[in-house]
Amino acid sequence: MPRLLQPTVPQQQPEWPDPERLGEVRRTLEASLPIVVPRESDLLKRRLAAVAEGRALLLQGGDCAERLHTSLDDVERRIDTLSRMASLLSESFLLPVVVVGRLAGQYAKPRSSAYETRDGVTLPSYRGDSVNGPEFTAAARTADPYRMLRAHQAAAATMNMVRALVGHRAGSPDTHVPEEMFVSHEALLLDHETPLTRVDPRTGRTYAGTGHLLWAGERTRDPDGAHIAFLAGVANPVAVKLGPAAEPDELLALVERLDPDQEPGRLTFVVRMGAGAVRERLPLLVEKVAASGARVGWVCDPMHGNTYTAPTGHKTRAFDDVLDEITGFFEVHHALGTHPGGIHLEMTGQDVTECVGAAGVGHEDLPRRYESSCDPRLNRGQSVELARRVAGLAAGRSAGAGAWR
């Protein structure tokens, strides 16, 4: 049973200008229906238990920051892309693939700086559509709690689309659609997450109602912080992002707070160290956690540690760096005899030009269809090609240390 910890002051929260409006929004959310139900989260936990125990892989992907105007075409193309990727991985690794979208809730983003300056003008940073707008104006960048209500409505509509598409098209010979699909997001905006937390009358356990799987990011993973306290108090499966500065003692503290009963499927560690650091930094973390007896899932996020600014001024990621971090992640686990549980990507089913190095996208192509409001995503072709390359790593599973290259 997760333990409810004493909350501390949360980090990475907006500066809401009107407490009364915020209170009104929280009360409205408290009276609203949740996006997901407990039995779905319990099912995902069972699926993630198979990942933690080496009997399945996790494929998690979607937008860096969802927009409130998501279309049916966008959701359908993303599901189809994830499904094609899952098929490639499952066929090569001979394992079932658990498909989780960064969908129906990824409307808030942490930022390295609370403010942004352009041409001598300083405004609050864009924190996702549930907080403010990306346009660089004072009106757009002012935090508006009513955006959380719009985000909740958008999440409900997106979840309905996911259920309809997966349920209607599963098994169709003309499409690649998973038989199950779950949704996830970073549990960042506690003024949105907390009012939608519910007690399940069947079991008496508390569940987050905003998504099946929630995670704490690199900036909010303090074991004594408010975000970890929130995640510790819900029965959903949860995850924590780990950057290159993560230390073994921090991971053991996170296990104690989030998974004290060492329940497979409850806790997943998502590694985001960068291609240049994963082979050096990851082994000690995996060894120490394994030695503790904790049965966590290990997943690679090869996106966040490999971001740079292109000559065009766009934030981008190189396909080869993304693949290299995944390869290093697999190499480490293969050498230690542990299970590389899957990949977590920022991607889209659209033909955007935001990442370079595959599908014919170079630096000069970035301005053509750079549509992300925050970080660069792999496009449809790059995502499928990445899955094909990762599937090729399956050939080295029994060939000895280092054979994942």
Protein backbone atom coordinates (compact mmCIF):
# COMPACT_ATOMS: atom_id res chain seq x y z
CA MET A 1 0.00 0.00 0.00
CA PRO A 2 1.55 3.37 -1.01
CA ARG A 3 2.33 5.64 1.94
CA LEU A 4 1.01 9.18 2.01
CA LEU A 5 3.95 11.42 2.87
CA GLN A 6 3.87 14.86 4.45
CA PRO A 7 3.88 17.26 1.47
CA THR A 8 6.44 20.04 1.10
CA VAL A 9 6.34 23.20 -1.02
CA PRO A 10 6.04 21.98 -4.64
CA GLN A 11 8.59 23.04 -7.24
CA GLN A 12 7.95 24.11 -10.85
CA GLN A 13 4.47 25.51 -10.15
CA PRO A 14 2.96 28.54 -11.92
CA GLU A 15 2.56 31.90 -10.23
CA TRP A 16 -1.24 32.03 -10.31
CA PRO A 17 -2.22 35.73 -10.16
CA ASP A 18 -5.68 35.22 -8.63
CA PRO A 19 -6.10 32.76 -5.71
CA GLU A 20 -9.90 33.04 -5.86
CA ARG A 21 -10.00 31.95 -9.50
CA LEU A 22 -7.64 29.10 -8.66
CA GLY A 23 -9.91 27.96 -5.83
CA GLU A 24 -12.93 28.04 -8.11
CA VAL A 25 -11.11 25.90 -10.69
CA ARG A 26 -9.98 23.38 -8.08
CA ARG A 27 -13.56 23.02 -6.81
CA THR A 28 -14.80 22.46 -10.36
CA LEU A 29 -12.17 19.79 -10.94
CA GLU A 30 -13.08 18.11 -7.67
CA ALA A 31 -16.64 17.77 -8.99
CA SER A 32 -15.52 16.51 -12.43
CA LEU A 33 -15.29 12.94 -13.68
CA PRO A 34 -11.80 11.40 -13.84
CA ILE A 35 -10.11 10.63 -17.18
CA VAL A 36 -9.28 7.01 -16.26
CA VAL A 37 -10.66 4.48 -13.78
CA PRO A 38 -8.77 2.42 -11.18
CA ARG A 39 -9.18 -0.99 -12.83
CA GLU A 40 -7.40 0.32 -15.94
CA SER A 41 -4.46 1.52 -13.85
CA ASP A 42 -4.38 -1.83 -12.06
CA LEU A 43 -4.24 -3.60 -15.42
CA LEU A 44 -1.32 -1.42 -16.51
CA LYS A 45 0.46 -2.21 -13.25
CA ARG A 46 0.16 -5.92 -14.06
CA ARG A 47 1.53 -5.29 -17.54
CA LEU A 48 4.44 -3.28 -16.12
CA ALA A 49 5.14 -6.10 -13.66
CA ALA A 50 5.95 -8.22 -16.72
CA VAL A 51 8.33 -5.47 -17.90
CA ALA A 52 10.08 -5.37 -14.52
CA GLU A 53 10.41 -9.15 -14.52
CA GLY A 54 11.88 -9.36 -18.03
CA ARG A 55 8.76 -10.79 -19.68
CA ALA A 56 7.72 -7.73 -21.71
CA LEU A 57 8.91 -4.40 -23.13
CA LEU A 58 7.47 -0.92 -22.66
CA LEU A 59 7.03 1.47 -25.58
CA GLN A 60 6.01 4.92 -24.35
CA GLY A 61 5.73 7.90 -26.66
CA GLY A 62 3.96 11.07 -27.64
CA ASP A 63 4.17 14.85 -27.58
CA CYS A 64 6.62 16.84 -25.52
CA ALA A 65 3.71 19.16 -24.68
CA GLU A 66 0.20 18.39 -25.91
CA ARG A 67 -1.85 21.20 -27.34
CA LEU A 68 -5.48 21.76 -26.42
CA HIS A 69 -6.60 21.51 -30.06
CA THR A 70 -5.47 17.91 -30.72
CA SER A 71 -7.27 16.48 -33.76
CA LEU A 72 -8.63 13.02 -34.50
CA ASP A 73 -6.08 12.67 -37.31
CA ASP A 74 -3.22 13.47 -34.95
CA VAL A 75 -4.33 10.91 -32.36
CA GLU A 76 -4.98 8.27 -35.01
CA ARG A 77 -1.59 8.75 -36.67
CA ARG A 78 0.19 8.64 -33.32
CA ILE A 79 -1.56 5.41 -32.31
CA ASP A 80 -0.78 3.88 -35.70
CA THR A 81 2.89 4.89 -35.45
CA LEU A 82 3.25 3.48 -31.95
CA SER A 83 1.54 0.29 -33.09
CA ARG A 84 3.93 -0.17 -36.01
CA MET A 85 6.86 0.37 -33.67
CA ALA A 86 5.45 -2.11 -31.15
CA SER A 87 5.03 -4.73 -33.87
CA LEU A 88 8.68 -4.40 -34.92
CA LEU A 89 9.90 -4.71 -31.34
CA SER A 90 7.64 -7.61 -30.45
CA GLU A 91 8.58 -9.62 -33.54
CA SER A 92 12.31 -9.20 -32.91
CA PHE A 93 12.48 -9.59 -29.13
CA LEU A 94 9.76 -12.25 -29.02
CA LEU A 95 8.15 -10.39 -26.14
CA PRO A 96 4.81 -8.62 -25.73
CA VAL A 97 5.03 -4.83 -25.89
CA VAL A 98 3.09 -2.60 -23.50
CA VAL A 99 2.06 0.57 -25.37
CA VAL A 100 1.66 3.77 -23.34
CA GLY A 101 1.03 7.15 -24.94
CA ARG A 102 2.14 10.54 -23.68
CA LEU A 103 -1.48 11.43 -24.29
CA ALA A 104 -4.59 12.88 -22.69
CA GLY A 105 -2.77 14.84 -19.99
CA GLN A 106 0.70 16.04 -21.07
CA TYR A 107 -0.31 19.70 -20.99
CA ALA A 108 2.19 21.06 -18.42
CA LYS A 109 5.98 21.34 -18.71
CA PRO A 110 8.78 22.12 -16.25
CA ARG A 111 11.19 24.83 -17.32
CA SER A 112 14.83 25.49 -16.53
CA SER A 113 14.02 29.18 -16.09
CA ALA A 114 10.81 30.79 -14.85
CA TYR A 115 11.26 33.67 -17.32
CA GLU A 116 12.24 34.16 -20.96
CA THR A 117 13.81 37.24 -22.51
CA ARG A 118 13.53 38.24 -26.17
CA ASP A 119 14.80 41.54 -27.60
CA GLY A 120 14.99 43.05 -24.13
CA VAL A 121 11.48 41.95 -23.14
CA THR A 122 11.13 39.49 -20.24
CA LEU A 123 8.00 37.39 -19.75
CA PRO A 124 7.10 34.21 -17.88
CA SER A 125 8.19 31.03 -19.64
CA TYR A 126 5.66 28.90 -21.49
CA ARG A 127 4.67 26.09 -19.10
CA GLY A 128 2.23 24.20 -21.30
CA ASP A 129 -1.30 24.84 -22.48
CA SER A 130 -2.81 24.05 -19.08
CA VAL A 131 -0.98 27.10 -17.67
CA ASN A 132 -0.36 29.71 -20.38
CA GLY A 133 0.16 30.15 -24.12
CA PRO A 134 3.33 29.86 -26.22
CA GLU A 135 2.86 33.25 -27.89
CA PHE A 136 5.37 35.77 -26.60
CA THR A 137 2.92 38.34 -25.27
CA ALA A 138 2.11 39.41 -21.73
CA ALA A 139 -1.49 38.26 -22.11
CA ALA A 140 -0.58 34.79 -23.41
CA ARG A 141 2.18 34.19 -20.88
CA THR A 142 0.06 35.13 -17.83
CA ALA A 143 -0.87 31.96 -15.94
CA ASP A 144 -4.61 31.32 -16.12
CA PRO A 145 -6.07 28.57 -13.90
CA TYR A 146 -9.11 28.26 -16.18
CA ARG A 147 -6.77 26.65 -18.68
CA MET A 148 -6.74 23.61 -16.38
CA LEU A 149 -10.46 23.17 -17.04
CA ARG A 150 -9.85 23.33 -20.79
CA ALA A 151 -7.02 20.84 -20.40
CA HIS A 152 -9.29 18.47 -18.51
CA GLN A 153 -11.89 18.71 -21.26
CA ALA A 154 -9.26 18.14 -23.93
CA ALA A 155 -7.89 15.13 -22.03
CA ALA A 156 -11.36 13.60 -21.75
CA ALA A 157 -11.97 14.08 -25.48
CA THR A 158 -8.57 12.60 -26.36
CA MET A 159 -9.14 9.62 -24.08
CA ASN A 160 -12.48 9.00 -25.75
CA MET A 161 -10.75 9.03 -29.13
CA VAL A 162 -8.11 6.58 -27.93
CA ARG A 163 -10.72 4.17 -26.60
CA ALA A 164 -12.79 4.41 -29.78
CA LEU A 165 -9.84 3.95 -32.12
CA VAL A 166 -8.27 1.06 -30.24
CA GLY A 167 -11.58 -0.67 -29.59
CA HIS A 168 -12.96 -0.25 -33.11
CA ARG A 169 -9.83 -1.01 -35.14
CA ALA A 170 -8.07 -3.66 -33.05
CA GLY A 171 -7.50 -6.76 -35.15
CA SER A 172 -8.12 -4.99 -38.46
CA PRO A 173 -5.84 -6.48 -41.16
CA ASP A 174 -5.34 -3.06 -42.74
CA THR A 175 -3.95 -1.22 -39.73
CA HIS A 176 -1.46 -1.58 -36.91
CA VAL A 177 -3.42 -0.95 -33.72
CA PRO A 178 -2.59 -2.26 -30.23
CA GLU A 179 -5.19 -4.33 -28.47
CA GLU A 180 -4.54 -2.21 -25.36
CA MET A 181 -3.28 1.33 -24.98
CA PHE A 182 -2.72 3.29 -21.83
CA VAL A 183 -2.06 7.01 -21.27
CA SER A 184 0.53 8.82 -19.17
CA HIS A 185 1.94 12.23 -18.37
CA GLU A 186 4.25 14.02 -15.97
CA ALA A 187 2.42 14.70 -12.70
CA LEU A 188 3.71 18.25 -12.58
CA LEU A 189 0.76 20.58 -11.99
CA LEU A 190 -0.43 19.59 -8.53
CA ASP A 191 -3.33 22.06 -8.61
CA HIS A 192 -4.71 19.87 -11.39
CA GLU A 193 -3.63 16.42 -10.17
CA THR A 194 -4.79 16.66 -6.56
CA PRO A 195 -8.46 17.63 -7.15
CA LEU A 196 -8.84 14.69 -9.57
CA THR A 197 -7.52 12.12 -7.11
CA ARG A 198 -10.21 9.67 -6.05
CA VAL A 199 -10.76 6.86 -3.52
CA ASP A 200 -11.80 3.63 -5.23
CA PRO A 201 -14.92 2.38 -3.40
CA ARG A 202 -14.06 -1.23 -4.34
CA THR A 203 -10.74 -1.28 -2.54
CA GLY A 204 -10.50 1.91 -0.47
CA ARG A 205 -7.25 2.77 -2.25
CA THR A 206 -6.52 6.24 -3.64
CA TYR A 207 -5.93 6.69 -7.39
CA ALA A 208 -4.93 9.57 -9.59
CA GLY A 209 -7.76 10.05 -12.07
CA THR A 210 -5.81 11.99 -14.69
CA GLY A 211 -3.84 9.12 -16.25
CA HIS A 212 -2.94 5.45 -15.92
CA LEU A 213 0.80 6.09 -15.37
CA LEU A 214 2.21 9.29 -13.86
CA TRP A 215 5.83 10.27 -13.48
CA ALA A 216 8.05 12.74 -11.65
CA GLY A 217 10.60 14.54 -13.78
CA GLU A 218 14.28 15.20 -13.28
CA ARG A 219 13.46 18.59 -11.73
CA THR A 220 10.80 17.30 -9.32
CA ARG A 221 12.18 13.93 -8.17
CA ASP A 222 13.41 15.08 -4.75
CA PRO A 223 12.62 12.08 -2.50
CA ASP A 224 11.39 14.50 0.17
CA GLY A 225 9.55 16.77 -2.27
CA ALA A 226 5.87 17.41 -2.86
CA HIS A 227 5.69 15.58 -6.19
CA ILE A 228 7.11 12.36 -4.79
CA ALA A 229 4.76 12.73 -1.81
CA PHE A 230 1.83 12.96 -4.23
CA LEU A 231 2.93 9.90 -6.20
CA ALA A 232 3.51 7.96 -2.99
CA GLY A 233 -0.10 8.54 -2.03
CA VAL A 234 -1.71 7.01 -5.14
CA ALA A 235 -2.00 3.37 -6.17
CA ASN A 236 -1.32 3.94 -9.89
CA PRO A 237 1.90 2.69 -11.40
CA VAL A 238 4.43 5.54 -11.23
CA ALA A 239 7.78 6.42 -12.77
CA VAL A 240 10.72 8.73 -12.07
CA LYS A 241 13.04 10.34 -14.64
CA LEU A 242 16.76 10.06 -13.83
CA GLY A 243 19.43 12.36 -15.28
CA PRO A 244 23.22 11.87 -15.20
CA ALA A 245 23.51 13.47 -11.74
CA ALA A 246 21.34 10.80 -10.07
CA GLU A 247 23.06 8.96 -7.24
CA PRO A 248 22.39 5.44 -5.89
CA ASP A 249 21.26 6.70 -2.48
CA GLU A 250 18.62 8.90 -4.15
CA LEU A 251 17.25 5.92 -6.04
CA LEU A 252 17.10 3.80 -2.91
CA ALA A 253 15.24 6.63 -1.14
CA LEU A 254 12.79 6.82 -4.04
CA VAL A 255 12.21 3.08 -3.84
CA GLU A 256 11.52 3.38 -0.11
CA ARG A 257 9.03 6.21 -0.63
CA LEU A 258 7.29 5.02 -3.78
CA ASP A 259 7.57 1.23 -3.61
CA PRO A 260 8.22 0.18 0.00
CA ASP A 261 6.54 -3.20 -0.59
CA GLN A 262 8.71 -3.85 -3.67
CA GLU A 263 5.73 -4.64 -5.88
CA PRO A 264 6.67 -5.38 -9.53
CA GLY A 265 4.96 -2.92 -11.84
CA ARG A 266 4.58 -0.19 -9.25
CA LEU A 267 7.80 1.76 -9.99
CA THR A 268 9.71 2.39 -13.22
CA PHE A 269 12.98 4.29 -13.49
CA VAL A 270 13.29 6.20 -16.78
CA VAL A 271 16.92 6.98 -17.62
CA ARG A 272 17.67 10.23 -19.50
CA MET A 273 21.44 10.63 -19.31
CA GLY A 274 22.59 11.43 -22.83
CA ALA A 275 24.53 9.26 -25.25
CA GLY A 276 27.83 10.40 -23.77
CA ALA A 277 27.00 9.51 -20.16
CA VAL A 278 24.73 6.46 -20.10
CA ARG A 279 27.47 3.81 -20.30
CA GLU A 280 29.42 5.45 -17.48
CA ARG A 281 26.64 6.51 -15.11
CA LEU A 282 24.00 3.81 -15.43
CA PRO A 283 25.80 0.62 -14.29
CA LEU A 284 26.26 1.64 -10.65
CA LEU A 285 22.61 2.71 -10.36
CA VAL A 286 21.32 -0.58 -11.74
CA GLU A 287 23.69 -2.59 -9.55
CA LYS A 288 22.73 -0.79 -6.33
CA VAL A 289 18.99 -1.00 -6.97
CA ALA A 290 19.22 -4.68 -7.92
CA ALA A 291 21.27 -5.42 -4.80
CA SER A 292 18.54 -3.81 -2.65
CA GLY A 293 16.02 -6.38 -3.87
CA ALA A 294 13.77 -3.76 -5.47
CA ARG A 295 11.96 -5.05 -8.54
CA VAL A 296 11.68 -1.92 -10.66
CA GLY A 297 11.37 -1.50 -14.40
CA TRP A 298 14.23 0.19 -16.30
CA VAL A 299 13.37 2.29 -19.37
CA CYS A 300 15.48 4.54 -21.61
CA ASP A 301 14.45 8.12 -22.48
CA PRO A 302 17.04 8.94 -25.19
CA MET A 303 15.56 12.35 -26.00
CA HIS A 304 16.17 14.78 -23.14
CA GLY A 305 19.90 14.22 -22.71
CA ASN A 306 20.62 14.77 -26.41
CA THR A 307 19.14 18.19 -27.16
CA TYR A 308 21.21 20.94 -28.79
CA THR A 309 20.69 24.17 -30.73
CA ALA A 310 21.05 23.88 -34.50
CA PRO A 311 22.66 26.60 -36.68
CA THR A 312 19.12 27.68 -37.59
CA GLY A 313 18.46 28.49 -33.92
CA HIS A 314 16.03 25.58 -33.45
CA LYS A 315 16.30 23.13 -30.57
CA THR A 316 16.89 19.72 -32.12
CA ARG A 317 18.09 16.16 -31.51
CA ALA A 318 20.18 13.94 -33.75
CA PHE A 319 18.77 10.53 -34.62
CA ASP A 320 22.20 8.91 -34.21
CA ASP A 321 22.55 10.29 -30.67
CA VAL A 322 19.10 8.98 -29.76
CA LEU A 323 19.96 5.54 -31.11
CA ASP A 324 23.37 5.57 -29.42
CA GLU A 325 21.88 6.24 -25.99
CA ILE A 326 19.42 3.37 -26.45
CA THR A 327 22.27 1.12 -27.58
CA GLY A 328 24.33 2.07 -24.52
CA PHE A 329 21.33 1.45 -22.27
CA PHE A 330 20.93 -2.06 -23.71
CA GLU A 331 24.67 -2.72 -23.45
CA VAL A 332 24.70 -1.86 -19.75
CA HIS A 333 21.79 -4.12 -18.92
CA HIS A 334 23.15 -6.95 -21.05
CA ALA A 335 26.51 -6.76 -19.28
CA LEU A 336 24.85 -6.82 -15.85
CA GLY A 337 22.36 -9.55 -16.70
CA THR A 338 19.39 -7.25 -16.07
CA HIS A 339 16.44 -6.45 -18.31
CA PRO A 340 16.38 -3.35 -20.55
CA GLY A 341 12.69 -2.72 -20.15
CA GLY A 342 11.91 -0.38 -23.04
CA ILE A 343 12.04 3.13 -24.48
CA HIS A 344 10.28 6.43 -23.75
CA LEU A 345 10.18 8.86 -26.69
CA GLU A 346 8.99 12.29 -27.66
CA MET A 347 7.48 11.55 -31.07
CA THR A 348 4.54 12.22 -33.35
CA GLY A 349 2.76 10.50 -36.19
CA GLN A 350 3.04 13.63 -38.30
CA ASP A 351 5.76 14.40 -40.87
CA VAL A 352 7.38 17.22 -38.91
CA THR A 353 11.00 18.36 -39.28
CA GLU A 354 12.25 18.76 -35.71
CA CYS A 355 14.93 16.06 -35.26
CA VAL A 356 17.76 15.54 -37.74
CA GLY A 357 19.75 12.64 -39.15
CA ALA A 358 17.08 10.28 -40.54
CA ALA A 359 14.12 10.40 -42.94
CA GLY A 360 16.03 12.95 -44.99
CA VAL A 361 15.92 15.73 -42.36
CA GLY A 362 18.97 17.98 -42.02
CA HIS A 363 19.56 21.24 -40.19
CA GLU A 364 18.45 23.21 -43.24
CA ASP A 365 15.09 21.41 -43.15
CA LEU A 366 14.16 22.35 -39.58
CA PRO A 367 12.25 25.57 -40.43
CA ARG A 368 10.08 23.71 -42.95
CA ARG A 369 7.75 21.95 -40.49
CA TYR A 370 8.95 22.71 -36.99
CA GLU A 371 5.63 22.54 -35.14
CA SER A 372 6.51 21.63 -31.55
CA SER A 373 5.64 24.26 -28.97
CA CYS A 374 8.45 23.04 -26.72
CA ASP A 375 10.97 20.26 -27.48
CA PRO A 376 11.73 18.51 -30.81
CA ARG A 377 10.00 15.22 -31.63
CA LEU A 378 10.83 12.32 -33.89
CA ASN A 379 8.50 12.30 -36.87
CA ARG A 380 6.58 9.28 -38.18
CA GLY A 381 9.36 7.96 -40.42
CA GLN A 382 12.09 8.53 -37.82
CA SER A 383 10.04 6.80 -35.12
CA VAL A 384 9.46 3.68 -37.20
CA GLU A 385 13.10 3.63 -38.33
CA LEU A 386 14.24 3.91 -34.71
CA ALA A 387 12.07 0.95 -33.75
CA ARG A 388 13.58 -1.01 -36.65
CA ARG A 389 17.10 -0.21 -35.42
CA VAL A 390 16.24 -1.06 -31.80
CA ALA A 391 14.68 -4.31 -33.00
CA GLY A 392 18.08 -5.14 -34.48
CA LEU A 393 19.57 -5.09 -30.98
CA ALA A 394 17.60 -8.26 -30.20
CA ALA A 395 20.12 -10.28 -32.20
CA GLY A 396 22.76 -9.71 -29.50
CA ARG A 397 20.77 -10.84 -26.50
CA SER A 398 22.63 -14.15 -26.09
CA ALA A 399 25.95 -13.23 -27.66
CA GLY A 400 27.84 -11.93 -24.63
CA ALA A 401 28.70 -8.54 -23.14
CA GLY A 402 28.90 -5.67 -25.57
CA ALA A 403 27.01 -7.51 -28.31
CA TRP A 404 24.17 -4.98 -28.29
CA ARG A 405 26.05 -2.71 -30.72
